[in-house]
Amino acid sequence: MKTQKPKKRAHAATQCDRLLAALMRGERITRLESITRYKILNTWQRVRELRDAGHEVLVDYETRNGARVAVYYMQPKTNPEGLPA
């Protein structure tokens, strides 16, 4: 019996890495932007995986061209004095 290769999971991890890096830079990302900029088709799944890994990925909903669009982002880290870390 053949075992499945973990290739797909490694690909998802790479997508999570790209998405996390963008969010940590302060980017606000829609599904369309994740597809065109980062080649990530299943944005909500990558966001879910980041959340499962302990990252606080937030979502706002905006109306653009008459459509409701999810915009994913992360709050910037601050130190105890309230200044950016």
Protein backbone atom coordinates (compact mmCIF):
# COMPACT_ATOMS: atom_id res chain seq x y z
CA MET A 1 0.00 0.00 0.00
CA LYS A 2 1.37 3.40 -0.99
CA THR A 3 1.60 6.26 1.46
CA GLN A 4 0.72 9.76 0.39
CA LYS A 5 3.49 12.28 0.14
CA PRO A 6 3.27 15.37 2.40
CA LYS A 7 3.98 17.60 -0.60
CA LYS A 8 0.66 19.42 -0.46
CA ARG A 9 1.13 20.28 3.23
CA ALA A 10 4.59 21.69 2.54
CA HIS A 11 3.08 23.89 -0.17
CA ALA A 12 0.41 25.16 2.27
CA ALA A 13 3.13 25.92 4.82
CA THR A 14 4.98 28.03 2.24
CA GLN A 15 1.76 29.91 1.48
CA CYS A 16 1.23 30.49 5.20
CA ASP A 17 4.78 31.82 5.48
CA ARG A 18 4.20 34.29 2.63
CA LEU A 19 0.85 35.41 4.04
CA LEU A 20 2.21 35.77 7.58
CA ALA A 21 5.17 37.83 6.38
CA ALA A 22 2.84 40.20 4.51
CA LEU A 23 0.49 40.56 7.47
CA MET A 24 3.41 41.19 9.84
CA ARG A 25 4.57 43.99 7.52
CA GLY A 26 1.21 45.64 8.19
CA GLU A 27 -0.43 44.78 4.88
CA ARG A 28 -4.22 44.49 4.72
CA ILE A 29 -5.00 41.67 2.29
CA THR A 30 -8.14 40.67 0.42
CA ARG A 31 -8.67 37.32 -1.29
CA LEU A 32 -8.05 38.90 -4.70
CA GLU A 33 -4.79 40.45 -3.47
CA SER A 34 -3.66 37.13 -1.99
CA ILE A 35 -4.24 35.49 -5.36
CA THR A 36 -2.54 38.13 -7.49
CA ARG A 37 0.37 39.05 -5.21
CA TYR A 38 1.13 35.82 -3.37
CA LYS A 39 -0.43 33.06 -5.53
CA ILE A 40 -2.61 31.91 -2.61
CA LEU A 41 -6.00 30.68 -3.85
CA ASN A 42 -7.53 29.50 -0.58
CA THR A 43 -6.94 32.56 1.61
CA TRP A 44 -9.42 31.73 4.37
CA GLN A 45 -7.81 28.29 4.85
CA ARG A 46 -4.34 29.82 5.19
CA VAL A 47 -5.76 32.38 7.67
CA ARG A 48 -7.33 29.54 9.63
CA GLU A 49 -4.00 27.70 9.74
CA LEU A 50 -2.25 30.85 10.97
CA ARG A 51 -4.89 31.28 13.68
CA ASP A 52 -4.54 27.61 14.66
CA ALA A 53 -0.79 28.26 15.02
CA GLY A 54 -1.52 31.07 17.49
CA HIS A 55 -1.37 34.16 15.28
CA GLU A 56 -4.05 36.78 15.81
CA VAL A 57 -5.27 37.43 12.28
CA LEU A 58 -8.19 39.85 12.24
CA VAL A 59 -10.79 40.50 9.55
CA ASP A 60 -12.79 43.56 8.55
CA TYR A 61 -15.52 43.58 5.95
CA GLU A 62 -15.62 46.42 3.43
CA THR A 63 -17.86 47.18 0.49
CA ARG A 64 -15.93 47.57 -2.75
CA ASN A 65 -17.73 48.06 -6.06
CA GLY A 66 -20.96 46.94 -4.43
CA ALA A 67 -19.51 43.67 -3.07
CA ARG A 68 -18.73 42.75 0.53
CA VAL A 69 -15.03 41.91 0.79
CA ALA A 70 -13.07 40.39 3.69
CA VAL A 71 -9.84 42.23 4.50
CA TYR A 72 -7.35 40.32 6.65
CA TYR A 73 -4.77 42.07 8.84
CA MET A 74 -2.79 41.85 12.09
CA GLN A 75 -2.47 44.45 14.83
CA PRO A 76 1.03 45.85 15.14
CA LYS A 77 2.92 44.64 18.20
CA THR A 78 3.45 47.28 20.90
CA ASN A 79 5.69 47.40 23.94
CA PRO A 80 4.37 48.13 27.48
CA GLU A 81 4.60 51.90 26.85
CA GLY A 82 2.22 51.57 23.90
CA LEU A 83 4.93 52.28 21.32
CA PRO A 84 5.49 50.07 18.26
CA ALA A 85 7.89 47.22 19.05
